[in-house]
Amino acid sequence: MKKALVTSALGLVALGAHAQSSVTLYGIVDTGIGYQSSQASLGATAGGRSVVKMVNGIWAGSRFGLKGSEDLGGGTRTIFQLEEGFNSATGAQSVSGLAFNRQAYVGIANANYGTFTAGRQYTSYYTMLAPYSPTTWLTGAYGAHPGDIDSLDTLYRANNSLVYTSPSMHGLTVSGSYSLGGVAGRLNAGSTWSAGIQYLNGPVGIAAGFQRINNSTSGGGAWGADSTTSNAGAEAGVSGINNGYSTAQAQQRVAVTGGYAFNSQWDVSFSYSNVQYIPGINSKFRNTAIFNTGGAVLHFKPLTALDLAAGYSYTRATQSNGITSSARYQQFNLSQYYSLSKRTGLYALEAYQRAGGQTLGTNGAGNIISATADIGDGQNSAPSSSRSQFAAGVGIIHKF
């Protein structure tokens, strides 16, 4: 009888320990059909053709992942997340060679002291600004600011990152991150560091963030393998907007986002960013290039199952590197989302962009070209070859 009681007690202890830890499998599958006018190779200024194609991850990137926690006692938990992006049209990885390209981190969380994580993850700049990013209702593929010049979409994750985020204190949250470049003898080379602050109070919210990305290659040029942005094409948002400045020694971003909910049906958000591409001796341009962007999104929920949104953004570069007519981009967006259930929805998206002025082409300094359109960040590898571009898409999304 005594042995049976001991066995039962041990079983209860085991059950209790098991209940204190958890692992969740989750994911999103998003597939649709999209139309894009004037598709061309990056840097082309002629020869664009319209295309109808299957698209994936337009409303929300297709992904699957594991996340979990273990209770360590005293209000402290171990947490982890592994998240893989994939192409639902082909089954391929979103980023070749990266098994968990979206996130891969482990850390410690405490409700009183905050959260500290280490691994591949989003920067503090993004996480603090995200609640009022234009991508919330317009999507990143069609609604991010041109080329995602200010990294307000989820394209950029930093390798080798240490991130601390405070608990919310009367609506105020602060966060800081540092990503080690790993370059021998040069601590700051190849690193990314950022900081952000966010205040949420009922229907009102505002956030500000700063981010600097350093090239690991001395003096700029091609981004080195040790850099936290070693996969620069997919990670740092190289597009038709900033292609001439992709050899920068450093990229620097300052942004402010905010919003206000009028009631349960109407809300508005705004964003402003200042982005700088800073040259080094090996860069293909000579003077710092600065892009300023302002935008706003109006969201309307007329029915429980229906969300509608409209957005506008204006981006303008400063005169530099021999350019006398600054590049400028106006973008208009519409989105419609209908919920079939809590997990499944149908969506439609429309976007138009008009570019003007001049910018640098692929070869940098001395190669001044007419600015061409590049809607959101879904067309970064194949932007327009002309000043105008129209894109539209419809699709279905399921979350599990």
Protein backbone atom coordinates (compact mmCIF):
# COMPACT_ATOMS: atom_id res chain seq x y z
CA MET A 1 0.00 0.00 0.00
CA LYS A 2 2.85 2.37 0.92
CA LYS A 3 4.61 1.57 -2.38
CA ALA A 4 1.42 2.33 -4.29
CA LEU A 5 1.08 5.70 -2.56
CA VAL A 6 4.69 6.61 -3.37
CA THR A 7 4.17 5.61 -7.00
CA SER A 8 1.02 7.71 -7.23
CA ALA A 9 2.77 10.70 -5.67
CA LEU A 10 5.66 10.43 -8.13
CA GLY A 11 3.14 10.26 -10.97
CA LEU A 12 1.45 13.43 -9.79
CA VAL A 13 4.82 15.19 -9.53
CA ALA A 14 5.64 14.12 -13.09
CA LEU A 15 2.28 15.36 -14.35
CA GLY A 16 2.79 18.67 -12.56
CA ALA A 17 6.23 19.11 -14.09
CA HIS A 18 4.88 18.28 -17.51
CA ALA A 19 2.08 20.82 -17.13
CA GLN A 20 4.64 23.57 -16.45
CA SER A 21 6.17 23.30 -19.92
CA SER A 22 4.53 23.47 -23.33
CA VAL A 23 5.35 23.32 -27.03
CA THR A 24 3.01 24.61 -29.74
CA LEU A 25 3.08 23.80 -33.44
CA TYR A 26 1.59 26.60 -35.55
CA GLY A 27 1.61 27.93 -39.08
CA ILE A 28 0.08 29.85 -41.98
CA VAL A 29 -0.56 28.81 -45.56
CA ASP A 30 -1.29 31.73 -47.91
CA THR A 31 -1.67 31.26 -51.67
CA GLY A 32 -3.20 33.44 -54.40
CA ILE A 33 -3.06 34.81 -57.93
CA GLY A 34 -1.38 38.14 -58.65
CA TYR A 35 -1.05 40.58 -61.53
CA GLN A 36 1.88 42.95 -61.96
CA SER A 37 2.39 45.48 -64.72
CA SER A 38 5.80 46.21 -66.24
CA GLN A 39 7.85 43.48 -64.56
CA ALA A 40 11.59 43.76 -65.33
CA SER A 41 14.93 42.74 -63.87
CA LEU A 42 16.38 44.83 -61.05
CA GLY A 43 17.97 48.01 -62.45
CA ALA A 44 16.33 47.77 -65.89
CA THR A 45 14.82 50.94 -67.36
CA ALA A 46 13.16 49.36 -70.41
CA GLY A 47 11.56 46.14 -71.61
CA GLY A 48 9.12 45.48 -68.77
CA ARG A 49 6.16 43.16 -69.41
CA SER A 50 2.99 42.51 -67.45
CA VAL A 51 2.63 39.13 -65.74
CA VAL A 52 -0.07 36.98 -64.11
CA LYS A 53 1.38 34.46 -61.68
CA MET A 54 0.70 32.38 -58.59
CA VAL A 55 1.82 34.24 -55.47
CA ASN A 56 2.25 33.09 -51.90
CA GLY A 57 2.50 34.73 -48.52
CA ILE A 58 0.95 37.98 -49.73
CA TRP A 59 -1.37 38.64 -46.78
CA ALA A 60 0.90 36.89 -44.28
CA GLY A 61 4.05 34.95 -45.10
CA SER A 62 3.49 31.20 -45.36
CA ARG A 63 5.27 29.54 -42.44
CA PHE A 64 5.32 26.84 -39.82
CA GLY A 65 6.97 26.92 -36.45
CA LEU A 66 7.43 25.64 -32.94
CA LYS A 67 7.31 27.79 -29.83
CA GLY A 68 7.25 26.90 -26.20
CA SER A 69 8.13 27.70 -22.62
CA GLU A 70 9.14 26.08 -19.35
CA ASP A 71 8.25 27.45 -15.92
CA LEU A 72 11.43 27.89 -13.87
CA GLY A 73 9.61 29.20 -10.81
CA GLY A 74 9.38 32.63 -9.27
CA GLY A 75 7.58 34.00 -12.34
CA THR A 76 10.51 33.20 -14.65
CA ARG A 77 10.18 31.14 -17.84
CA THR A 78 12.49 29.76 -20.48
CA ILE A 79 11.10 30.54 -23.95
CA PHE A 80 12.04 29.53 -27.49
CA GLN A 81 10.77 29.91 -31.05
CA LEU A 82 11.78 28.25 -34.33
CA GLU A 83 10.00 29.52 -37.45
CA GLU A 84 10.50 28.48 -41.08
CA GLY A 85 9.13 30.38 -44.06
CA PHE A 86 8.21 28.52 -47.23
CA ASN A 87 6.74 29.05 -50.68
CA SER A 88 3.29 27.46 -50.68
CA ALA A 89 3.23 27.47 -54.50
CA THR A 90 6.40 25.38 -54.84
CA GLY A 91 7.23 24.01 -51.39
CA ALA A 92 10.65 25.69 -51.45
CA GLN A 93 12.30 27.45 -48.52
CA SER A 94 11.68 31.20 -48.39
CA VAL A 95 15.43 31.76 -48.07
CA SER A 96 17.60 29.03 -49.53
CA GLY A 97 19.87 27.35 -47.00
CA LEU A 98 18.14 28.72 -43.90
CA ALA A 99 16.03 26.08 -42.17
CA PHE A 100 14.50 28.57 -39.72
CA ASN A 101 14.87 31.79 -41.66
CA ARG A 102 12.12 33.74 -39.94
CA GLN A 103 13.14 33.24 -36.30
CA ALA A 104 15.35 30.96 -34.21
CA TYR A 105 15.95 32.05 -30.62
CA VAL A 106 15.94 31.01 -26.97
CA GLY A 107 15.67 33.19 -23.90
CA ILE A 108 14.35 34.03 -20.45
CA ALA A 109 11.14 35.92 -19.64
CA ASN A 110 9.85 37.39 -16.40
CA ALA A 111 6.70 39.49 -16.03
CA ASN A 112 8.46 41.90 -13.64
CA TYR A 113 11.87 42.20 -15.27
CA GLY A 114 11.23 41.73 -18.99
CA THR A 115 12.45 39.37 -21.70
CA PHE A 116 15.97 38.57 -22.92
CA THR A 117 16.48 36.41 -26.04
CA ALA A 118 19.43 35.26 -28.16
CA GLY A 119 19.49 34.05 -31.78
CA ARG A 120 18.06 35.06 -35.14
CA GLN A 121 15.16 37.46 -34.58
CA TYR A 122 13.59 40.82 -35.30
CA THR A 123 15.31 43.97 -34.09
CA SER A 124 13.90 46.23 -31.38
CA TYR A 125 13.41 48.89 -34.05
CA TYR A 126 10.86 46.71 -35.84
CA THR A 127 9.06 45.20 -32.83
CA MET A 128 8.39 48.56 -31.20
CA LEU A 129 7.18 50.23 -34.43
CA ALA A 130 5.20 47.25 -35.78
CA PRO A 131 1.75 47.85 -34.22
CA TYR A 132 1.23 50.87 -36.49
CA SER A 133 3.21 49.74 -39.51
CA PRO A 134 1.44 50.22 -42.89
CA THR A 135 1.78 46.46 -43.42
CA THR A 136 -0.77 45.64 -40.69
CA TRP A 137 -3.72 46.13 -43.06
CA LEU A 138 -2.09 46.73 -46.46
CA THR A 139 0.40 43.78 -46.28
CA GLY A 140 4.13 44.05 -46.89
CA ALA A 141 4.06 42.67 -50.44
CA TYR A 142 1.83 45.50 -51.72
CA GLY A 143 1.60 47.96 -48.83
CA ALA A 144 5.11 48.37 -47.40
CA HIS A 145 6.62 51.74 -48.18
CA PRO A 146 8.34 51.59 -51.62
CA GLY A 147 10.87 48.76 -51.61
CA ASP A 148 10.38 48.52 -47.81
CA ILE A 149 12.98 51.28 -47.67
CA ASP A 150 12.43 51.77 -43.92
CA SER A 151 12.22 48.08 -42.87
CA LEU A 152 8.72 48.37 -41.40
CA ASP A 153 7.84 44.96 -42.86
CA THR A 154 9.11 41.59 -41.63
CA LEU A 155 11.77 41.14 -44.34
CA TYR A 156 14.72 41.91 -42.10
CA ARG A 157 15.80 39.61 -39.27
CA ALA A 158 19.23 39.91 -37.71
CA ASN A 159 21.51 36.96 -37.03
CA ASN A 160 23.48 36.59 -33.78
CA SER A 161 21.11 38.93 -31.93
CA LEU A 162 20.75 39.75 -28.25
CA VAL A 163 17.43 41.45 -27.51
CA TYR A 164 16.03 42.86 -24.28
CA THR A 165 12.44 44.12 -23.98
CA SER A 166 11.06 45.58 -20.78
CA PRO A 167 7.65 44.78 -19.32
CA SER A 168 4.92 47.32 -20.02
CA MET A 169 5.00 50.05 -17.36
CA HIS A 170 1.73 52.00 -17.48
CA GLY A 171 1.68 51.44 -21.24
CA LEU A 172 5.37 52.27 -21.80
CA THR A 173 7.74 49.62 -23.19
CA VAL A 174 11.40 49.99 -24.15
CA SER A 175 13.61 47.59 -26.07
CA GLY A 176 17.20 47.33 -27.28
CA SER A 177 19.04 44.86 -29.51
CA TYR A 178 22.61 44.19 -30.61
CA SER A 179 23.65 41.72 -33.29
CA LEU A 180 27.27 40.60 -33.27
CA GLY A 181 29.07 40.72 -36.62
CA GLY A 182 31.78 38.28 -35.56
CA VAL A 183 34.59 40.01 -37.47
CA ALA A 184 38.02 39.38 -35.90
CA GLY A 185 39.61 42.52 -34.47
CA ARG A 186 36.61 44.78 -35.27
CA LEU A 187 33.78 44.49 -32.76
CA ASN A 188 31.36 46.83 -34.54
CA ALA A 189 31.97 45.60 -38.10
CA GLY A 190 29.07 43.58 -39.49
CA SER A 191 26.93 44.37 -36.46
CA THR A 192 23.37 45.65 -36.22
CA TRP A 193 22.09 47.61 -33.26
CA SER A 194 18.77 49.22 -32.55
CA ALA A 195 16.55 50.68 -29.87
CA GLY A 196 12.87 51.46 -29.63
CA ILE A 197 10.22 52.85 -27.31
CA GLN A 198 6.47 52.33 -27.44
CA TYR A 199 3.52 53.82 -25.58
CA LEU A 200 0.05 52.28 -25.77
CA ASN A 201 -2.90 53.72 -23.88
CA GLY A 202 -6.38 52.58 -24.88
CA PRO A 203 -7.19 53.90 -28.36
CA VAL A 204 -3.91 55.84 -28.66
CA GLY A 205 -0.44 54.56 -29.43
CA ILE A 206 2.90 55.93 -30.55
CA ALA A 207 6.36 54.43 -31.04
CA ALA A 208 9.84 55.52 -32.10
CA GLY A 209 12.86 53.50 -33.18
CA PHE A 210 16.48 53.75 -34.36
CA GLN A 211 18.48 51.14 -36.25
CA ARG A 212 22.00 50.98 -37.68
CA ILE A 213 23.31 48.15 -39.87
CA ASN A 214 27.08 48.02 -40.39
CA ASN A 215 28.82 46.36 -43.34
CA SER A 216 31.43 43.82 -42.26
CA THR A 217 33.54 44.57 -45.35
CA SER A 218 36.01 47.37 -44.64
CA GLY A 219 35.04 50.61 -46.38
CA GLY A 220 31.76 49.34 -47.83
CA GLY A 221 31.20 47.37 -51.04
CA ALA A 222 29.73 43.87 -51.20
CA TRP A 223 28.32 42.87 -47.80
CA GLY A 224 30.64 40.34 -46.20
CA ALA A 225 29.78 36.86 -45.01
CA ASP A 226 30.28 37.88 -41.38
CA SER A 227 27.67 40.61 -41.56
CA THR A 228 24.31 40.14 -39.86
CA THR A 229 22.92 41.04 -43.32
CA SER A 230 25.04 38.53 -45.24
CA ASN A 231 21.95 37.53 -47.21
CA ALA A 232 21.57 41.15 -48.29
CA GLY A 233 19.22 40.61 -51.23
CA ALA A 234 16.51 39.03 -49.12
CA GLU A 235 17.29 40.52 -45.75
CA ALA A 236 18.25 44.17 -46.19
CA GLY A 237 15.57 44.99 -48.74
CA VAL A 238 17.61 45.73 -51.89
CA SER A 239 15.09 47.06 -54.42
CA GLY A 240 14.60 49.39 -57.34
CA ILE A 241 14.48 52.22 -54.80
CA ASN A 242 17.90 51.74 -53.17
CA ASN A 243 19.73 49.51 -55.66
CA GLY A 244 22.35 52.17 -56.43
CA TYR A 245 23.24 52.44 -52.72
CA SER A 246 23.45 48.73 -51.84
CA THR A 247 27.26 48.93 -51.41
CA ALA A 248 26.93 51.26 -48.41
CA GLN A 249 29.29 51.07 -45.46
CA ALA A 250 26.27 51.46 -43.18
CA GLN A 251 22.48 51.85 -43.27
CA GLN A 252 20.73 53.99 -40.65
CA ARG A 253 17.01 54.30 -39.97
CA VAL A 254 14.95 56.50 -37.66
CA ALA A 255 11.17 56.12 -37.64
CA VAL A 256 8.02 57.09 -35.76
CA THR A 257 4.66 55.33 -36.00
CA GLY A 258 1.38 55.92 -34.22
CA GLY A 259 -2.34 55.50 -34.39
CA TYR A 260 -5.77 56.22 -33.00
CA ALA A 261 -8.92 54.07 -32.83
CA PHE A 262 -12.02 56.25 -33.17
CA ASN A 263 -14.32 53.34 -32.25
CA SER A 264 -14.69 49.62 -32.95
CA GLN A 265 -15.12 50.30 -36.68
CA TRP A 266 -12.65 53.05 -37.59
CA ASP A 267 -8.96 53.54 -36.85
CA VAL A 268 -6.09 55.42 -38.47
CA SER A 269 -2.32 54.96 -38.33
CA PHE A 270 0.60 57.05 -39.53
CA SER A 271 4.33 56.59 -40.05
CA TYR A 272 7.40 58.69 -40.81
CA SER A 273 10.94 57.48 -41.50
CA ASN A 274 14.36 58.87 -42.32
CA VAL A 275 16.72 56.38 -43.98
CA GLN A 276 20.40 57.02 -44.72
CA TYR A 277 22.85 55.04 -46.88
CA ILE A 278 26.33 55.97 -45.71
CA PRO A 279 29.24 55.33 -48.11
CA GLY A 280 32.73 54.02 -47.44
CA ILE A 281 35.87 54.11 -49.57
CA ASN A 282 34.78 50.95 -51.46
CA SER A 283 31.17 52.02 -52.03
CA LYS A 284 29.98 52.75 -55.56
CA PHE A 285 28.60 56.13 -54.50
CA ARG A 286 30.29 59.03 -52.73
CA ASN A 287 27.74 61.02 -50.73
CA THR A 288 25.23 59.94 -48.10
CA ALA A 289 21.83 59.24 -49.69
CA ILE A 290 18.78 60.13 -47.57
CA PHE A 291 15.19 58.99 -48.11
CA ASN A 292 12.28 60.52 -46.16
CA THR A 293 8.91 58.76 -46.17
CA GLY A 294 5.53 59.69 -44.71
CA GLY A 295 2.38 57.60 -44.88
CA ALA A 296 -1.07 56.95 -43.42
CA VAL A 297 -3.57 54.08 -43.38
CA LEU A 298 -7.33 54.27 -42.72
CA HIS A 299 -8.93 50.99 -41.57
CA PHE A 300 -12.71 50.38 -41.59
CA LYS A 301 -14.54 47.32 -40.20
CA PRO A 302 -18.17 47.60 -41.35
CA LEU A 303 -18.96 43.96 -40.49
CA THR A 304 -17.54 41.48 -38.00
CA ALA A 305 -16.14 39.41 -40.87
CA LEU A 306 -15.00 42.26 -43.16
CA ASP A 307 -11.96 44.54 -42.99
CA LEU A 308 -11.29 47.34 -45.50
CA ALA A 309 -8.27 49.65 -45.65
CA ALA A 310 -6.81 52.42 -47.79
CA GLY A 311 -3.30 53.85 -47.61
CA TYR A 312 -1.01 56.46 -49.12
CA SER A 313 2.72 57.08 -48.80
CA TYR A 314 5.17 59.60 -50.22
CA THR A 315 8.91 58.98 -50.40
CA ARG A 316 11.48 61.56 -51.45
CA ALA A 317 15.26 61.33 -51.65
CA THR A 318 17.65 64.21 -51.13
CA GLN A 319 19.91 65.53 -53.90
CA SER A 320 23.29 63.79 -53.81
CA ASN A 321 25.84 61.96 -55.97
CA GLY A 322 25.32 64.27 -58.94
CA ILE A 323 21.52 63.98 -58.92
CA THR A 324 19.76 67.32 -59.40
CA SER A 325 16.17 66.01 -59.60
CA SER A 326 15.51 64.00 -56.42
CA ALA A 327 13.80 60.62 -56.71
CA ARG A 328 10.23 60.58 -55.40
CA TYR A 329 7.58 57.88 -55.12
CA GLN A 330 3.85 58.10 -54.47
CA GLN A 331 2.03 54.89 -53.57
CA PHE A 332 -1.71 54.20 -53.24
CA ASN A 333 -3.12 51.02 -51.65
CA LEU A 334 -6.47 49.31 -51.08
CA SER A 335 -7.12 46.05 -49.23
CA GLN A 336 -10.15 43.87 -48.51
CA TYR A 337 -10.22 40.88 -46.15
CA TYR A 338 -13.21 38.60 -45.47
CA SER A 339 -13.10 36.08 -42.62
CA LEU A 340 -14.71 32.75 -43.45
CA SER A 341 -13.84 31.60 -39.92
CA LYS A 342 -11.37 32.41 -37.14
CA ARG A 343 -8.66 30.58 -39.09
CA THR A 344 -9.54 31.05 -42.76
CA GLY A 345 -9.98 34.20 -44.84
CA LEU A 346 -10.20 35.54 -48.38
CA TYR A 347 -8.42 38.72 -49.45
CA ALA A 348 -7.98 41.13 -52.35
CA LEU A 349 -5.29 43.78 -52.73
CA GLU A 350 -4.68 46.63 -55.17
CA ALA A 351 -1.72 49.03 -55.39
CA TYR A 352 -0.41 51.73 -57.71
CA GLN A 353 2.88 53.60 -57.57
CA ARG A 354 4.19 56.56 -59.56
CA ALA A 355 7.89 57.47 -59.51
CA GLY A 356 9.60 60.68 -60.56
CA GLY A 357 13.04 62.26 -60.58
CA GLN A 358 16.38 60.46 -60.74
CA THR A 359 18.35 57.89 -58.79
CA LEU A 360 21.53 55.84 -59.10
CA GLY A 361 21.56 52.64 -61.12
CA THR A 362 23.28 49.37 -60.24
CA ASN A 363 26.79 50.67 -60.95
CA GLY A 364 26.41 53.54 -58.48
CA ALA A 365 28.17 56.88 -58.93
CA GLY A 366 28.00 58.29 -62.43
CA ASN A 367 25.15 55.98 -63.46
CA ILE A 368 22.19 58.33 -63.02
CA ILE A 369 18.90 56.89 -64.26
CA SER A 370 15.22 57.79 -64.11
CA ALA A 371 13.58 56.54 -60.94
CA THR A 372 11.34 53.52 -61.57
CA ALA A 373 8.40 52.21 -59.55
CA ASP A 374 8.68 49.32 -57.07
CA ILE A 375 5.45 48.62 -55.16
CA GLY A 376 5.79 47.45 -51.56
CA ASP A 377 8.43 44.76 -51.17
CA GLY A 378 6.78 41.94 -53.12
CA GLN A 379 8.28 43.18 -56.40
CA ASN A 380 11.82 43.89 -55.17
CA SER A 381 13.51 41.29 -57.37
CA ALA A 382 11.48 42.32 -60.43
CA PRO A 383 10.36 45.96 -60.20
CA SER A 384 8.92 48.11 -62.95
CA SER A 385 11.06 49.33 -65.85
CA SER A 386 8.98 52.51 -66.04
CA ARG A 387 7.80 55.28 -63.73
CA SER A 388 4.45 53.58 -63.07
CA GLN A 389 3.44 50.19 -61.73
CA PHE A 390 0.11 48.55 -60.87
CA ALA A 391 -0.30 45.32 -58.93
CA ALA A 392 -3.34 43.38 -57.71
CA GLY A 393 -3.89 40.02 -56.10
CA VAL A 394 -6.53 37.72 -54.61
CA GLY A 395 -5.93 34.77 -52.34
CA ILE A 396 -6.89 32.51 -49.47
CA ILE A 397 -5.15 32.19 -46.12
CA HIS A 398 -5.46 29.50 -43.45
CA LYS A 399 -3.90 29.57 -39.99
CA PHE A 400 -3.30 26.52 -37.83
